[in-house]
C-alpha atoms as a PDB file:
ATOM      1  CA  MET A   1     -66.648  50.905 -34.417  1.00  0.00           C
ATOM      2  CA  GLN A   2     -63.491  51.970 -36.412  1.00  0.00           C
ATOM      3  CA  LYS A   3     -62.381  55.206 -35.821  1.00  0.00           C
ATOM      4  CA  ILE A   4     -59.480  55.692 -38.951  1.00  0.00           C
ATOM      5  CA  ILE A   5     -56.467  57.765 -39.127  1.00  0.00           C
ATOM      6  CA  PHE A   6     -54.992  57.770 -42.347  1.00  0.00           C
ATOM      7  CA  LEU A   7     -51.108  57.749 -41.870  1.00  0.00           C
ATOM      8  CA  GLY A   8     -48.435  58.464 -44.656  1.00  0.00           C
ATOM      9  CA  THR A   9     -46.104  61.099 -46.325  1.00  0.00           C
ATOM     10  CA  ASP A  10     -47.162  64.485 -47.931  1.00  0.00           C
ATOM     11  CA  LEU A  11     -50.995  63.464 -47.584  1.00  0.00           C
ATOM     12  CA  HIS A  12     -51.747  67.169 -46.528  1.00  0.00           C
ATOM     13  CA  GLY A  13     -50.840  69.009 -49.824  1.00  0.00           C
ATOM     14  CA  PRO A  14     -52.501  68.998 -53.374  1.00  0.00           C
ATOM     15  CA  SER A  15     -53.431  65.501 -54.223  1.00  0.00           C
ATOM     16  CA  SER A  16     -51.139  64.540 -56.778  1.00  0.00           C
ATOM     17  CA  GLU A  17     -49.460  60.809 -55.869  1.00  0.00           C
ATOM     18  CA  LEU A  18     -51.253  57.446 -55.329  1.00  0.00           C
ATOM     19  CA  ALA A  19     -51.205  57.656 -51.628  1.00  0.00           C
ATOM     20  CA  SER A  20     -52.667  61.253 -51.532  1.00  0.00           C
ATOM     21  CA  LYS A  21     -55.580  60.605 -54.054  1.00  0.00           C
ATOM     22  CA  ILE A  22     -56.310  57.267 -52.269  1.00  0.00           C
ATOM     23  CA  VAL A  23     -56.603  59.017 -48.801  1.00  0.00           C
ATOM     24  CA  ARG A  24     -58.505  61.959 -50.356  1.00  0.00           C
ATOM     25  CA  ASP A  25     -61.259  59.722 -52.141  1.00  0.00           C
ATOM     26  CA  LEU A  26     -61.486  57.569 -48.684  1.00  0.00           C
ATOM     27  CA  SER A  27     -61.326  60.364 -46.194  1.00  0.00           C
ATOM     28  CA  GLU A  28     -64.431  62.298 -48.068  1.00  0.00           C
ATOM     29  CA  ARG A  29     -66.442  59.279 -47.781  1.00  0.00           C
ATOM     30  CA  ILE A  30     -65.370  57.929 -44.074  1.00  0.00           C
ATOM     31  CA  LYS A  31     -67.143  60.342 -41.338  1.00  0.00           C
ATOM     32  CA  ASN A  32     -64.913  61.586 -38.330  1.00  0.00           C
ATOM     33  CA  SER A  33     -61.534  60.195 -39.917  1.00  0.00           C
ATOM     34  CA  GLY A  34     -58.417  61.882 -39.343  1.00  0.00           C
ATOM     35  CA  VAL A  35     -55.107  62.353 -41.390  1.00  0.00           C
ATOM     36  CA  LEU A  36     -51.399  62.119 -40.142  1.00  0.00           C
ATOM     37  CA  SER A  37     -49.033  63.269 -42.782  1.00  0.00           C
ATOM     38  CA  LEU A  38     -45.220  63.821 -42.435  1.00  0.00           C
ATOM     39  CA  GLU A  39     -44.165  66.768 -44.610  1.00  0.00           C
ATOM     40  CA  ASN A  40     -41.439  65.588 -47.081  1.00  0.00           C
ATOM     41  CA  ARG A  41     -42.160  67.478 -50.295  1.00  0.00           C
ATOM     42  CA  LYS A  42     -45.268  69.407 -50.058  1.00  0.00           C
ATOM     43  CA  PRO A  43     -45.121  72.426 -47.618  1.00  0.00           C
ATOM     44  CA  PHE A  44     -46.712  72.565 -44.348  1.00  0.00           C
ATOM     45  CA  SER A  45     -50.292  73.647 -44.467  1.00  0.00           C
ATOM     46  CA  SER A  46     -52.859  73.559 -41.610  1.00  0.00           C
ATOM     47  CA  ARG A  47     -55.923  71.664 -42.885  1.00  0.00           C
ATOM     48  CA  GLU A  48     -59.195  70.309 -41.070  1.00  0.00           C
ATOM     49  CA  ASN A  49     -58.853  66.753 -39.720  1.00  0.00           C
ATOM     50  CA  LYS A  50     -55.188  66.725 -40.907  1.00  0.00           C
ATOM     51  CA  ILE A  51     -52.208  66.613 -38.617  1.00  0.00           C
ATOM     52  CA  VAL A  52     -49.183  67.481 -40.238  1.00  0.00           C
ATOM     53  CA  ILE A  53     -45.523  66.717 -38.602  1.00  0.00           C
ATOM     54  CA  PRO A  54     -43.134  69.241 -40.184  1.00  0.00           C
ATOM     55  CA  LYS A  55     -39.701  68.689 -41.327  1.00  0.00           C
ATOM     56  CA  ILE A  56     -38.258  71.645 -39.572  1.00  0.00           C
ATOM     57  CA  PHE A  57     -34.955  71.138 -41.230  1.00  0.00           C
ATOM     58  CA  GLY A  58     -34.387  71.050 -44.746  1.00  0.00           C
ATOM     59  CA  LYS A  59     -31.612  68.152 -44.715  1.00  0.00           C
ATOM     60  CA  ASN A  60     -32.962  64.473 -44.655  1.00  0.00           C
ATOM     61  CA  TYR A  61     -30.906  63.476 -41.904  1.00  0.00           C
ATOM     62  CA  PHE A  62     -31.954  66.156 -39.298  1.00  0.00           C
ATOM     63  CA  ARG A  63     -35.552  65.705 -40.978  1.00  0.00           C
ATOM     64  CA  GLY A  64     -35.545  62.154 -40.224  1.00  0.00           C
ATOM     65  CA  ILE A  65     -34.484  62.412 -36.519  1.00  0.00           C
ATOM     66  CA  ILE A  66     -37.062  65.091 -35.667  1.00  0.00           C
ATOM     67  CA  GLN A  67     -40.347  63.380 -37.363  1.00  0.00           C
ATOM     68  CA  GLY A  68     -38.836  60.124 -35.941  1.00  0.00           C
ATOM     69  CA  ILE A  69     -39.284  61.332 -32.380  1.00  0.00           C
ATOM     70  CA  LEU A  70     -42.289  63.471 -33.055  1.00  0.00           C
ATOM     71  CA  LEU A  71     -44.485  60.740 -35.068  1.00  0.00           C
ATOM     72  CA  PRO A  72     -44.604  58.117 -32.131  1.00  0.00           C
ATOM     73  CA  ILE A  73     -45.581  60.951 -29.698  1.00  0.00           C
ATOM     74  CA  CYS A  74     -48.547  61.844 -32.165  1.00  0.00           C
ATOM     75  CA  LEU A  75     -49.528  58.261 -32.468  1.00  0.00           C
ATOM     76  CA  ILE A  76     -49.668  57.983 -28.763  1.00  0.00           C
ATOM     77  CA  PHE A  77     -51.930  60.725 -28.156  1.00  0.00           C
ATOM     78  CA  LEU A  78     -54.027  60.098 -31.118  1.00  0.00           C
ATOM     79  CA  ARG A  79     -54.974  56.661 -29.760  1.00  0.00           C
ATOM     80  CA  LEU A  80     -57.168  58.577 -27.473  1.00  0.00           C
ATOM     81  CA  LYS A  81     -59.694  59.251 -30.331  1.00  0.00           C
ATOM     82  CA  TYR A  82     -58.696  56.673 -33.128  1.00  0.00           C
ATOM     83  CA  ASN A  83     -58.205  52.893 -32.839  1.00  0.00           C
ATOM     84  CA  THR A  84     -57.297  52.203 -36.718  1.00  0.00           C
ATOM     85  CA  ILE A  85     -54.622  53.096 -39.039  1.00  0.00           C
ATOM     86  CA  PHE A  86     -54.903  52.985 -42.823  1.00  0.00           C
ATOM     87  CA  THR A  87     -51.457  53.286 -44.013  1.00  0.00           C
ATOM     88  CA  PHE A  88     -50.156  53.849 -47.677  1.00  0.00           C
ATOM     89  CA  TRP A  89     -46.433  53.648 -47.320  1.00  0.00           C
ATOM     90  CA  THR A  90     -43.240  52.053 -47.379  1.00  0.00           C
ATOM     91  CA  ALA A  91     -41.761  49.520 -44.836  1.00  0.00           C
ATOM     92  CA  GLY A  92     -37.965  49.253 -45.789  1.00  0.00           C
ATOM     93  CA  LYS A  93     -36.183  50.499 -42.985  1.00  0.00           C
ATOM     94  CA  LYS A  94     -35.238  49.498 -39.405  1.00  0.00           C
ATOM     95  CA  TYR A  95     -37.179  52.533 -38.291  1.00  0.00           C
ATOM     96  CA  HIS A  96     -40.708  51.199 -39.500  1.00  0.00           C
ATOM     97  CA  TYR A  97     -39.858  48.025 -37.937  1.00  0.00           C
ATOM     98  CA  PHE A  98     -39.831  49.774 -34.631  1.00  0.00           C
ATOM     99  CA  LEU A  99     -42.595  52.136 -35.631  1.00  0.00           C
ATOM    100  CA  PHE A 100     -44.900  49.346 -36.457  1.00  0.00           C
ATOM    101  CA  ARG A 101     -44.122  47.163 -33.431  1.00  0.00           C
ATOM    102  CA  LEU A 102     -45.023  50.328 -31.298  1.00  0.00           C
ATOM    103  CA  ILE A 103     -48.216  50.692 -33.252  1.00  0.00           C
ATOM    104  CA  LYS A 104     -49.128  46.952 -32.297  1.00  0.00           C
ATOM    105  CA  PHE A 105     -48.212  47.603 -28.906  1.00  0.00           C
ATOM    106  CA  LEU A 106     -50.660  50.537 -28.643  1.00  0.00           C
ATOM    107  CA  LYS A 107     -53.099  48.361 -29.796  1.00  0.00           C
ATOM    108  CA  TYR A 108     -54.370  50.018 -32.950  1.00  0.00           C
ATOM    109  CA  ARG A 109     -55.755  47.830 -35.776  1.00  0.00           C
ATOM    110  CA  THR A 110     -53.486  48.321 -38.718  1.00  0.00           C
ATOM    111  CA  PHE A 111     -54.119  48.121 -42.614  1.00  0.00           C
ATOM    112  CA  PHE A 112     -51.043  48.519 -44.413  1.00  0.00           C
ATOM    113  CA  THR A 113     -51.260  49.088 -48.392  1.00  0.00           C
ATOM    114  CA  VAL A 114     -48.097  47.970 -50.101  1.00  0.00           C
ATOM    115  CA  ILE A 115     -47.355  50.766 -52.975  1.00  0.00           C
ATOM    116  CA  SER A 116     -43.597  50.585 -53.378  1.00  0.00           C
ATOM    117  CA  GLY A 117     -41.883  47.843 -54.880  1.00  0.00           C
ATOM    118  CA  TYR A 118     -39.982  44.280 -54.618  1.00  0.00           C
ATOM    119  CA  ASP A 119     -36.778  45.582 -53.507  1.00  0.00           C
ATOM    120  CA  LYS A 120     -37.791  46.398 -50.161  1.00  0.00           C
ATOM    121  CA  ASP A 121     -37.682  44.811 -46.796  1.00  0.00           C
ATOM    122  CA  TYR A 122     -41.122  44.073 -45.599  1.00  0.00           C
ATOM    123  CA  SER A 123     -40.471  42.290 -42.366  1.00  0.00           C
ATOM    124  CA  ALA A 124     -42.226  45.252 -40.377  1.00  0.00           C
ATOM    125  CA  LEU A 125     -45.439  44.138 -41.840  1.00  0.00           C
ATOM    126  CA  LYS A 126     -45.652  41.041 -39.578  1.00  0.00           C
ATOM    127  CA  PHE A 127     -47.225  43.611 -36.970  1.00  0.00           C
ATOM    128  CA  CYS A 128     -49.866  44.607 -39.009  1.00  0.00           C
ATOM    129  CA  ASP A 129     -53.259  43.119 -39.096  1.00  0.00           C
ATOM    130  CA  LYS A 130     -53.924  42.979 -42.652  1.00  0.00           C
ATOM    131  CA  ILE A 131     -51.531  43.716 -45.666  1.00  0.00           C
ATOM    132  CA  ILE A 132     -53.337  45.003 -49.013  1.00  0.00           C
ATOM    133  CA  CYS A 133     -51.530  44.614 -52.386  1.00  0.00           C
ATOM    134  CA  GLN A 134     -52.342  46.387 -55.357  1.00  0.00           C
ATOM    135  CA  SER A 135     -51.534  43.470 -57.577  1.00  0.00           C
ATOM    136  CA  GLU A 136     -51.418  39.570 -57.755  1.00  0.00           C
ATOM    137  CA  LYS A 137     -47.691  39.669 -58.336  1.00  0.00           C
ATOM    138  CA  MET A 138     -46.939  41.696 -55.023  1.00  0.00           C
ATOM    139  CA  LYS A 139     -49.527  39.358 -53.517  1.00  0.00           C
ATOM    140  CA  ARG A 140     -47.291  36.257 -54.607  1.00  0.00           C
ATOM    141  CA  HIS A 141     -44.198  37.834 -53.481  1.00  0.00           C
ATOM    142  CA  LEU A 142     -45.324  38.785 -50.111  1.00  0.00           C
ATOM    143  CA  SER A 143     -46.787  35.398 -49.536  1.00  0.00           C
ATOM    144  CA  GLU A 144     -43.563  33.941 -49.807  1.00  0.00           C
ATOM    145  CA  LYS A 145     -41.883  36.455 -47.296  1.00  0.00           C
ATOM    146  CA  LEU A 146     -45.062  36.486 -44.918  1.00  0.00           C
ATOM    147  CA  PRO A 147     -46.907  33.307 -45.015  1.00  0.00           C
ATOM    148  CA  ASP A 148     -48.826  33.455 -41.892  1.00  0.00           C
ATOM    149  CA  LYS A 149     -50.165  37.071 -42.742  1.00  0.00           C
ATOM    150  CA  GLU A 150     -53.686  37.614 -44.084  1.00  0.00           C
ATOM    151  CA  ILE A 151     -52.901  39.348 -47.470  1.00  0.00           C
ATOM    152  CA  THR A 152     -55.795  40.629 -50.152  1.00  0.00           C
ATOM    153  CA  VAL A 153     -55.469  42.410 -53.479  1.00  0.00           C
ATOM    154  CA  ILE A 154     -57.206  45.795 -54.078  1.00  0.00           C
ATOM    155  CA  LEU A 155     -56.181  47.442 -57.374  1.00  0.00           C
ATOM    156  CA  PRO A 156     -55.859  51.091 -57.510  1.00  0.00           C
ATOM    157  CA  TRP A 157     -58.519  53.351 -59.071  1.00  0.00           C
ATOM    158  CA  THR A 158     -58.987  56.568 -61.231  1.00  0.00           C
ATOM    159  CA  ASN A 159     -62.168  58.595 -62.108  1.00  0.00           C
ATOM    160  CA  LEU A 160     -62.827  57.260 -65.497  1.00  0.00           C
ATOM    161  CA  ASP A 161     -65.191  60.055 -66.198  1.00  0.00           C
ATOM    162  CA  VAL A 162     -62.416  62.656 -65.817  1.00  0.00           C
ATOM    163  CA  PHE A 163     -59.494  60.467 -67.458  1.00  0.00           C
ATOM    164  CA  LYS A 164     -60.841  59.545 -70.921  1.00  0.00           C
ATOM    165  CA  PRO A 165     -59.345  59.454 -74.140  1.00  0.00           C
ATOM    166  CA  LYS A 166     -59.306  62.245 -76.886  1.00  0.00           C
ATOM    167  CA  ARG A 167     -57.698  62.128 -80.439  1.00  0.00           C
ATOM    168  CA  LYS A 168     -54.040  61.867 -79.967  1.00  0.00           C
ATOM    169  CA  GLU A 169     -51.835  64.819 -80.836  1.00  0.00           C
ATOM    170  CA  TYR A 170     -48.596  64.115 -79.671  1.00  0.00           C
ATOM    171  CA  ASP A 171     -46.391  61.022 -79.189  1.00  0.00           C
ATOM    172  CA  LEU A 172     -44.850  60.713 -75.614  1.00  0.00           C
ATOM    173  CA  LEU A 173     -45.623  62.087 -72.028  1.00  0.00           C
ATOM    174  CA  ILE A 174     -43.371  61.850 -69.381  1.00  0.00           C
ATOM    175  CA  PRO A 175     -46.010  62.647 -66.480  1.00  0.00           C
ATOM    176  CA  SER A 176     -43.792  62.315 -63.211  1.00  0.00           C
ATOM    177  CA  VAL A 177     -40.317  63.664 -63.584  1.00  0.00           C
ATOM    178  CA  PRO A 178     -38.449  62.915 -60.180  1.00  0.00           C
ATOM    179  CA  TYR A 179     -37.882  65.872 -57.734  1.00  0.00           C
ATOM    180  CA  ASP A 180     -34.182  65.186 -57.695  1.00  0.00           C
ATOM    181  CA  ILE A 181     -31.783  65.202 -60.714  1.00  0.00           C
ATOM    182  CA  LYS A 182     -29.809  62.350 -58.858  1.00  0.00           C
ATOM    183  CA  ASP A 183     -32.631  60.141 -59.447  1.00  0.00           C
ATOM    184  CA  PHE A 184     -32.901  60.484 -63.169  1.00  0.00           C
ATOM    185  CA  LYS A 185     -30.855  57.298 -63.953  1.00  0.00           C
ATOM    186  CA  GLU A 186     -32.674  55.256 -61.693  1.00  0.00           C
ATOM    187  CA  ARG A 187     -36.018  56.251 -63.061  1.00  0.00           C
ATOM    188  CA  GLY A 188     -34.783  56.074 -66.923  1.00  0.00           C
ATOM    189  CA  ILE A 189     -34.974  59.768 -67.262  1.00  0.00           C
ATOM    190  CA  ASP A 190     -31.385  59.932 -68.791  1.00  0.00           C
ATOM    191  CA  LYS A 191     -32.231  57.288 -71.564  1.00  0.00           C
ATOM    192  CA  LEU A 192     -35.714  59.606 -72.467  1.00  0.00           C
ATOM    193  CA  ILE A 193     -33.510  62.380 -72.844  1.00  0.00           C
ATOM    194  CA  ASP A 194     -31.469  60.660 -75.121  1.00  0.00           C
ATOM    195  CA  ILE A 195     -34.494  59.591 -77.252  1.00  0.00           C
ATOM    196  CA  LEU A 196     -35.779  63.016 -77.289  1.00  0.00           C
ATOM    197  CA  GLU A 197     -32.495  64.285 -78.348  1.00  0.00           C
ATOM    198  CA  LYS A 198     -32.105  61.864 -81.346  1.00  0.00           C
ATOM    199  CA  ASN A 199     -35.859  61.555 -82.749  1.00  0.00           C
ATOM    200  CA  LYS A 200     -38.352  63.715 -83.955  1.00  0.00           C
ATOM    201  CA  ILE A 201     -40.774  62.777 -81.203  1.00  0.00           C
ATOM    202  CA  LYS A 202     -43.345  65.285 -79.963  1.00  0.00           C
ATOM    203  CA  ALA A 203     -43.564  64.984 -76.283  1.00  0.00           C
ATOM    204  CA  LYS A 204     -44.921  67.047 -73.029  1.00  0.00           C
ATOM    205  CA  ILE A 205     -43.206  66.775 -69.819  1.00  0.00           C
ATOM    206  CA  ILE A 206     -44.618  67.159 -66.434  1.00  0.00           C
ATOM    207  CA  PHE A 207     -42.301  68.255 -63.356  1.00  0.00           C
ATOM    208  CA  ARG A 208     -42.988  68.490 -59.739  1.00  0.00           C
ATOM    209  CA  SER A 209     -39.756  70.638 -58.857  1.00  0.00           C
ATOM    210  CA  ASP A 210     -38.152  73.685 -59.982  1.00  0.00           C
ATOM    211  CA  GLU A 211     -34.673  72.031 -59.986  1.00  0.00           C
ATOM    212  CA  THR A 212     -35.689  69.394 -62.593  1.00  0.00           C
ATOM    213  CA  TYR A 213     -37.771  71.952 -64.349  1.00  0.00           C
ATOM    214  CA  ASN A 214     -34.929  74.359 -64.744  1.00  0.00           C
ATOM    215  CA  TYR A 215     -32.394  71.506 -65.947  1.00  0.00           C
ATOM    216  CA  PHE A 216     -34.598  70.505 -68.798  1.00  0.00           C
ATOM    217  CA  LYS A 217     -35.092  74.291 -69.793  1.00  0.00           C
ATOM    218  CA  LYS A 218     -31.220  74.264 -70.232  1.00  0.00           C
ATOM    219  CA  LEU A 219     -31.238  71.222 -72.407  1.00  0.00           C
ATOM    220  CA  GLY A 220     -33.334  73.321 -74.897  1.00  0.00           C
ATOM    221  CA  LEU A 221     -35.174  70.308 -76.345  1.00  0.00           C
ATOM    222  CA  LYS A 222     -37.278  71.762 -79.227  1.00  0.00           C
ATOM    223  CA  ASN A 223     -39.917  69.008 -79.421  1.00  0.00           C
ATOM    224  CA  ALA A 224     -40.853  68.942 -75.891  1.00  0.00           C
ATOM    225  CA  GLU A 225     -43.361  71.116 -74.026  1.00  0.00           C
ATOM    226  CA  LEU A 226     -42.228  71.676 -70.210  1.00  0.00           C
ATOM    227  CA  ILE A 227     -45.163  71.905 -67.727  1.00  0.00           C
ATOM    228  CA  ASN A 228     -44.129  72.677 -64.013  1.00  0.00           C
ATOM    229  CA  GLY A 229     -46.295  72.747 -60.881  1.00  0.00           C
ATOM    230  CA  ALA A 230     -49.158  70.599 -59.446  1.00  0.00           C
ATOM    231  CA  LEU A 231     -52.236  70.101 -61.839  1.00  0.00           C
ATOM    232  CA  SER A 232     -55.787  69.277 -61.079  1.00  0.00           C
ATOM    233  CA  ASP A 233     -57.006  66.175 -62.229  1.00  0.00           C
ATOM    234  CA  ARG A 234     -59.000  67.633 -65.039  1.00  0.00           C
ATOM    235  CA  LYS A 235     -56.040  69.404 -66.123  1.00  0.00           C
ATOM    236  CA  LEU A 236     -53.777  66.543 -65.989  1.00  0.00           C
ATOM    237  CA  ALA A 237     -56.451  64.388 -67.991  1.00  0.00           C
ATOM    238  CA  GLU A 238     -56.598  67.046 -70.866  1.00  0.00           C
ATOM    239  CA  ILE A 239     -52.940  66.795 -71.282  1.00  0.00           C
ATOM    240  CA  MET A 240     -52.683  62.683 -70.766  1.00  0.00           C
ATOM    241  CA  SER A 241     -55.719  62.388 -73.002  1.00  0.00           C
ATOM    242  CA  LYS A 242     -53.844  63.368 -75.977  1.00  0.00           C
ATOM    243  CA  ALA A 243     -50.734  61.405 -75.621  1.00  0.00           C
ATOM    244  CA  GLY A 244     -49.903  58.327 -77.387  1.00  0.00           C
ATOM    245  CA  VAL A 245     -47.515  56.487 -75.069  1.00  0.00           C
ATOM    246  CA  ILE A 246     -46.161  56.879 -71.431  1.00  0.00           C
ATOM    247  CA  PRO A 247     -42.853  55.301 -70.723  1.00  0.00           C
ATOM    248  CA  LEU A 248     -42.013  54.130 -67.218  1.00  0.00           C
ATOM    249  CA  ILE A 249     -38.602  52.637 -67.133  1.00  0.00           C
ATOM    250  CA  TYR A 250     -37.375  52.184 -63.761  1.00  0.00           C
ATOM    251  CA  SER A 251     -33.885  50.309 -63.450  1.00  0.00           C
ATOM    252  CA  SER A 252     -34.529  49.606 -59.695  1.00  0.00           C
ATOM    253  CA  ASN A 253     -37.031  50.629 -56.762  1.00  0.00           C
ATOM    254  CA  ALA A 254     -40.131  50.681 -59.215  1.00  0.00           C
ATOM    255  CA  PRO A 255     -43.458  51.214 -57.847  1.00  0.00           C
ATOM    256  CA  ASP A 256     -45.710  48.007 -58.236  1.00  0.00           C
ATOM    257  CA  MET A 257     -48.714  50.080 -59.797  1.00  0.00           C
ATOM    258  CA  PRO A 258     -47.812  53.552 -60.536  1.00  0.00           C
ATOM    259  CA  LEU A 259     -50.763  56.178 -60.531  1.00  0.00           C
ATOM    260  CA  SER A 260     -49.387  57.777 -63.585  1.00  0.00           C
ATOM    261  CA  ALA A 261     -49.681  54.516 -65.579  1.00  0.00           C
ATOM    262  CA  ILE A 262     -53.163  54.046 -64.475  1.00  0.00           C
ATOM    263  CA  GLU A 263     -54.639  57.640 -65.140  1.00  0.00           C
ATOM    264  CA  GLY A 264     -52.702  57.262 -68.497  1.00  0.00           C
ATOM    265  CA  MET A 265     -54.416  54.173 -69.535  1.00  0.00           C
ATOM    266  CA  ALA A 266     -57.801  55.537 -68.765  1.00  0.00           C
ATOM    267  CA  CYS A 267     -57.010  58.296 -71.311  1.00  0.00           C
ATOM    268  CA  GLY A 268     -55.958  55.710 -73.653  1.00  0.00           C
ATOM    269  CA  CYS A 269     -52.374  56.111 -73.421  1.00  0.00           C
ATOM    270  CA  ALA A 270     -50.255  52.972 -74.474  1.00  0.00           C
ATOM    271  CA  ILE A 271     -47.679  52.180 -71.285  1.00  0.00           C
ATOM    272  CA  ILE A 272     -44.038  51.008 -71.863  1.00  0.00           C
ATOM    273  CA  CYS A 273     -42.585  49.541 -68.600  1.00  0.00           C
ATOM    274  CA  THR A 274     -40.287  46.850 -67.606  1.00  0.00           C
ATOM    275  CA  GLU A 275     -40.859  43.452 -65.622  1.00  0.00           C
ATOM    276  CA  HIS A 276     -40.035  45.464 -62.205  1.00  0.00           C
ATOM    277  CA  MET A 277     -43.719  46.262 -61.512  1.00  0.00           C
ATOM    278  CA  GLY A 278     -47.051  44.476 -60.972  1.00  0.00           C
ATOM    279  CA  LEU A 279     -48.672  46.577 -63.896  1.00  0.00           C
ATOM    280  CA  ALA A 280     -46.725  44.521 -66.365  1.00  0.00           C
ATOM    281  CA  ASP A 281     -48.704  41.596 -66.156  1.00  0.00           C
ATOM    282  CA  ILE A 282     -51.852  43.551 -66.849  1.00  0.00           C
ATOM    283  CA  ILE A 283     -49.831  45.303 -70.046  1.00  0.00           C
ATOM    284  CA  LYS A 284     -48.944  41.894 -71.329  1.00  0.00           C
ATOM    285  CA  LYS A 285     -52.488  40.271 -70.791  1.00  0.00           C
ATOM    286  CA  LYS A 286     -54.236  43.158 -72.312  1.00  0.00           C
ATOM    287  CA  LYS A 287     -51.933  44.224 -74.964  1.00  0.00           C
ATOM    288  CA  CYS A 288     -51.949  47.454 -74.172  1.00  0.00           C
ATOM    289  CA  GLY A 289     -48.594  48.437 -74.130  1.00  0.00           C
ATOM    290  CA  ILE A 290     -45.096  46.901 -74.432  1.00  0.00           C
ATOM    291  CA  VAL A 291     -43.152  45.344 -71.594  1.00  0.00           C
ATOM    292  CA  LEU A 292     -39.292  45.468 -71.881  1.00  0.00           C
ATOM    293  CA  GLU A 293     -36.725  43.281 -70.629  1.00  0.00           C
ATOM    294  CA  SER A 294     -34.395  46.103 -70.759  1.00  0.00           C
ATOM    295  CA  GLU A 295     -34.395  49.546 -71.455  1.00  0.00           C
ATOM    296  CA  LYS A 296     -32.507  49.135 -74.756  1.00  0.00           C
ATOM    297  CA  GLY A 297     -35.670  48.475 -76.529  1.00  0.00           C
ATOM    298  CA  LEU A 298     -37.424  51.678 -75.530  1.00  0.00           C
ATOM    299  CA  SER A 299     -37.085  53.616 -78.961  1.00  0.00           C
ATOM    300  CA  ASN A 300     -38.397  50.837 -80.960  1.00  0.00           C
ATOM    301  CA  ALA A 301     -41.129  50.254 -78.584  1.00  0.00           C
ATOM    302  CA  ILE A 302     -42.229  53.716 -78.829  1.00  0.00           C
ATOM    303  CA  ASN A 303     -42.169  53.447 -82.639  1.00  0.00           C
ATOM    304  CA  LYS A 304     -44.260  50.202 -82.860  1.00  0.00           C
ATOM    305  CA  ILE A 305     -46.932  51.578 -80.567  1.00  0.00           C
ATOM    306  CA  SER A 306     -47.221  55.019 -82.592  1.00  0.00           C
ATOM    307  CA  ASN A 307     -47.915  52.848 -85.611  1.00  0.00           C
ATOM    308  CA  ASN A 308     -50.525  50.824 -83.855  1.00  0.00           C
ATOM    309  CA  SER A 309     -53.773  52.347 -82.296  1.00  0.00           C
ATOM    310  CA  SER A 310     -55.046  49.230 -81.012  1.00  0.00           C
ATOM    311  CA  TYR A 311     -52.431  49.681 -77.958  1.00  0.00           C
ATOM    312  CA  ASN A 312     -54.371  52.796 -77.287  1.00  0.00           C
ATOM    313  CA  LYS A 313     -57.893  51.421 -77.502  1.00  0.00           C
ATOM    314  CA  ASN A 314     -56.682  48.421 -75.436  1.00  0.00           C
ATOM    315  CA  ALA A 315     -55.439  50.777 -72.852  1.00  0.00           C
ATOM    316  CA  ARG A 316     -58.809  52.211 -72.249  1.00  0.00           C
ATOM    317  CA  LYS A 317     -60.837  48.774 -71.946  1.00  0.00           C
ATOM    318  CA  ALA A 318     -58.223  47.604 -69.542  1.00  0.00           C
ATOM    319  CA  ALA A 319     -58.616  50.695 -67.552  1.00  0.00           C
ATOM    320  CA  GLU A 320     -62.441  50.163 -67.571  1.00  0.00           C
ATOM    321  CA  LYS A 321     -61.947  46.561 -66.518  1.00  0.00           C
ATOM    322  CA  TYR A 322     -59.283  46.900 -63.631  1.00  0.00           C
ATOM    323  CA  PHE A 323     -59.197  50.506 -62.473  1.00  0.00           C
ATOM    324  CA  SER A 324     -62.826  51.650 -61.919  1.00  0.00           C
ATOM    325  CA  ILE A 325     -64.065  53.583 -58.797  1.00  0.00           C
ATOM    326  CA  LYS A 326     -65.368  50.399 -57.717  1.00  0.00           C
ATOM    327  CA  ASN A 327     -62.245  49.312 -56.020  1.00  0.00           C
ATOM    328  CA  LEU A 328     -62.752  52.248 -53.787  1.00  0.00           C
ATOM    329  CA  ASN A 329     -65.678  50.195 -52.543  1.00  0.00           C
ATOM    330  CA  LYS A 330     -63.503  47.333 -51.369  1.00  0.00           C
ATOM    331  CA  TYR A 331     -61.627  49.696 -49.132  1.00  0.00           C
ATOM    332  CA  LEU A 332     -65.004  50.968 -47.719  1.00  0.00           C
ATOM    333  CA  GLU A 333     -66.073  47.443 -46.825  1.00  0.00           C
ATOM    334  CA  LEU A 334     -62.833  46.963 -44.821  1.00  0.00           C
ATOM    335  CA  THR A 335     -63.809  50.048 -42.633  1.00  0.00           C
ATOM    336  CA  ARG A 336     -67.055  48.192 -41.780  1.00  0.00           C
ATOM    337  CA  LYS A 337     -65.273  44.921 -40.292  1.00  0.00           C
END
């Protein structure tokens, strides 16, 4: 019988990112499962069936050293109770290679779900028993790098009864501004700021840190409403449902299937993105947004979608086809094997 521990970063706080929401949904349905979470952005909190490895030090270097020591110790002791690890994480560093080698040595059965992009070193996944991708594009990518591994595709999901369309009241939603200003260029935020300053676009922007929120306040954007702090699913859906477009313009390091896009599509938001993510294939196939070759076409893409409501209708249809809660059952099936 599988006794499952969920492993990842910031799984202990309010569910806001893709990994934490997936773990929330699964752990609620799997009896006697536990969560092992590394504190990064979300503050330490003690919760039932959740073990949190605190960061202790604010600096990334010292945090990495301390957590890098404590994590293997926790895994050794947890092996007395659990025999299976489900992890929704990255695997792009040498540390991950040694960590998953240790997990293999401890005879955990490991299911690894890839949530990051295509510019990572995934060699550590050779120690995992099963690799789960969230797009066919990522499966093709990993099959070339790990030809001997069993790889399957399970698409993400969202609650289509909570995230659903309403009449559009504003043009643009930026649903997840990075925690750090230094990441703005990589995430295309600098380009979006330029568009908001030069165009009469009505926008709402959701922040996850005081640093970036205060930065935008100083810009004095009169056409943008700024929203700071963690939001419940219902509050987030209320905001998303009235938006026309969600732009996700990563220059690099793009997530494969970003949760903000999936929830947005369920709310009838058209998506603008680049080729850097697996979601682009669905957007092109279902005509529920625009896939750009470069960020230079962003302004024209926003105008094109604003003048054609079929993109919004197609977004909801695509969400119903690909991102229903039925995908959760595919994970539950894995736990019974």
